[in-house]
Every structure is written in C-alpha cells, then in structure tokens.
Amino acid sequence: MPAPARSVAVPAVSPRLLATALLTVGLLLTLAYLVAFDQGAVSRSGMFLHELMHDGRHLLGVPCH
C-alpha cells in the first residue's frame, strides 16, 4: 500500500519582490545586450552606444572590430 502523500510547504513570494527581481533581470539583460551586441543599431546618434560601451567590450573579451 502506498504511503499517503505529504503536503509540501511552498514559500510565498511577495509580488513586490517578484517585480523587483524581474525588473533587475530585465535591466541586466538590456545592459548585457548594449555592451556585447549593440553596434549602434539602438542609438539614433550613430555609434554613440558602441563608443560608450567600447572599453566594456574589451574588458569582457567581446570582439567588436
């Protein structure tokens, strides 16, 4: 005879904590895109973001030339 199922307590996550976590992840992913992959496509002033993030690319070892 199988053992009776036990209920497992799941910790509650507050909506504020969840929203903060999702916003933080979104901002970090956006920053990673801008540093690693944007080649001026987002910036309307030409290569402004590329030049702004240029040293960060080299620091992280991301090729950009």
C-alpha atoms as a PDB file:
ATOM      1  CA  MET A   1       0.000   0.000   0.000  1.00  0.00           C
ATOM      2  CA  PRO A   2       1.495   3.385  -0.986  1.00  0.00           C
ATOM      3  CA  ALA A   3       2.348   5.889   1.684  1.00  0.00           C
ATOM      4  CA  PRO A   4      -0.055   8.827   1.999  1.00  0.00           C
ATOM      5  CA  ALA A   5       1.028  11.951   0.154  1.00  0.00           C
ATOM      6  CA  ARG A   6       2.568  14.635   2.312  1.00  0.00           C
ATOM      7  CA  SER A   7       1.888  18.264   1.661  1.00  0.00           C
ATOM      8  CA  VAL A   8       4.940  20.372   0.914  1.00  0.00           C
ATOM      9  CA  ALA A   9       5.118  23.929   2.165  1.00  0.00           C
ATOM     10  CA  VAL A  10       5.926  26.318  -0.667  1.00  0.00           C
ATOM     11  CA  PRO A  11       7.334  29.641   0.488  1.00  0.00           C
ATOM     12  CA  ALA A  12       5.267  32.592  -0.648  1.00  0.00           C
ATOM     13  CA  VAL A  13       6.974  35.199  -2.809  1.00  0.00           C
ATOM     14  CA  SER A  14       5.661  38.692  -2.425  1.00  0.00           C
ATOM     15  CA  PRO A  15       4.567  40.454  -5.614  1.00  0.00           C
ATOM     16  CA  ARG A  16       6.906  43.342  -4.803  1.00  0.00           C
ATOM     17  CA  LEU A  17       9.916  41.015  -4.552  1.00  0.00           C
ATOM     18  CA  LEU A  18       8.938  39.267  -7.773  1.00  0.00           C
ATOM     19  CA  ALA A  19       8.531  42.588  -9.609  1.00  0.00           C
ATOM     20  CA  THR A  20      11.889  43.823  -8.308  1.00  0.00           C
ATOM     21  CA  ALA A  21      13.612  40.607  -9.359  1.00  0.00           C
ATOM     22  CA  LEU A  22      12.081  40.692 -12.852  1.00  0.00           C
ATOM     23  CA  LEU A  23      12.985  44.353 -13.314  1.00  0.00           C
ATOM     24  CA  THR A  24      16.556  43.696 -12.206  1.00  0.00           C
ATOM     25  CA  VAL A  25      16.933  40.745 -14.573  1.00  0.00           C
ATOM     26  CA  GLY A  26      15.466  42.800 -17.415  1.00  0.00           C
ATOM     27  CA  LEU A  27      17.843  45.686 -16.802  1.00  0.00           C
ATOM     28  CA  LEU A  28      20.846  43.365 -16.601  1.00  0.00           C
ATOM     29  CA  LEU A  29      19.874  41.642 -19.858  1.00  0.00           C
ATOM     30  CA  THR A  30      19.441  45.018 -21.546  1.00  0.00           C
ATOM     31  CA  LEU A  31      22.853  46.144 -20.306  1.00  0.00           C
ATOM     32  CA  ALA A  32      24.431  42.879 -21.497  1.00  0.00           C
ATOM     33  CA  TYR A  33      22.891  43.428 -24.939  1.00  0.00           C
ATOM     34  CA  LEU A  34      24.128  47.004 -25.119  1.00  0.00           C
ATOM     35  CA  VAL A  35      27.654  46.092 -24.058  1.00  0.00           C
ATOM     36  CA  ALA A  36      28.058  42.902 -26.042  1.00  0.00           C
ATOM     37  CA  PHE A  37      25.900  43.073 -29.165  1.00  0.00           C
ATOM     38  CA  ASP A  38      24.729  46.584 -29.984  1.00  0.00           C
ATOM     39  CA  GLN A  39      26.740  48.047 -32.825  1.00  0.00           C
ATOM     40  CA  GLY A  40      24.937  51.376 -32.954  1.00  0.00           C
ATOM     41  CA  ALA A  41      21.580  49.893 -34.007  1.00  0.00           C
ATOM     42  CA  VAL A  42      19.744  51.184 -30.909  1.00  0.00           C
ATOM     43  CA  SER A  43      21.391  54.581 -30.768  1.00  0.00           C
ATOM     44  CA  ARG A  44      19.949  57.235 -33.051  1.00  0.00           C
ATOM     45  CA  SER A  45      23.187  59.202 -32.913  1.00  0.00           C
ATOM     46  CA  GLY A  46      25.196  56.692 -34.919  1.00  0.00           C
ATOM     47  CA  MET A  47      27.802  54.816 -32.937  1.00  0.00           C
ATOM     48  CA  PHE A  48      27.283  56.597 -29.600  1.00  0.00           C
ATOM     49  CA  LEU A  49      26.456  53.445 -27.617  1.00  0.00           C
ATOM     50  CA  HIS A  50      29.184  51.499 -29.368  1.00  0.00           C
ATOM     51  CA  GLU A  51      31.779  54.052 -28.358  1.00  0.00           C
ATOM     52  CA  LEU A  52      30.326  54.377 -24.852  1.00  0.00           C
ATOM     53  CA  MET A  53      30.489  50.622 -24.274  1.00  0.00           C
ATOM     54  CA  HIS A  54      33.741  50.080 -26.174  1.00  0.00           C
ATOM     55  CA  ASP A  55      36.007  49.665 -23.152  1.00  0.00           C
ATOM     56  CA  GLY A  56      33.482  47.344 -21.523  1.00  0.00           C
ATOM     57  CA  ARG A  57      33.591  45.119 -24.594  1.00  0.00           C
ATOM     58  CA  HIS A  58      37.364  44.854 -24.421  1.00  0.00           C
ATOM     59  CA  LEU A  59      37.274  44.308 -20.656  1.00  0.00           C
ATOM     60  CA  LEU A  60      34.840  41.392 -21.099  1.00  0.00           C
ATOM     61  CA  GLY A  61      36.714  39.978 -24.085  1.00  0.00           C
ATOM     62  CA  VAL A  62      33.846  40.583 -26.517  1.00  0.00           C
ATOM     63  CA  PRO A  63      35.123  41.194 -30.064  1.00  0.00           C
ATOM     64  CA  CYS A  64      33.894  44.404 -31.604  1.00  0.00           C
ATOM     65  CA  HIS A  65      36.186  45.076 -34.555  1.00  0.00           C
END
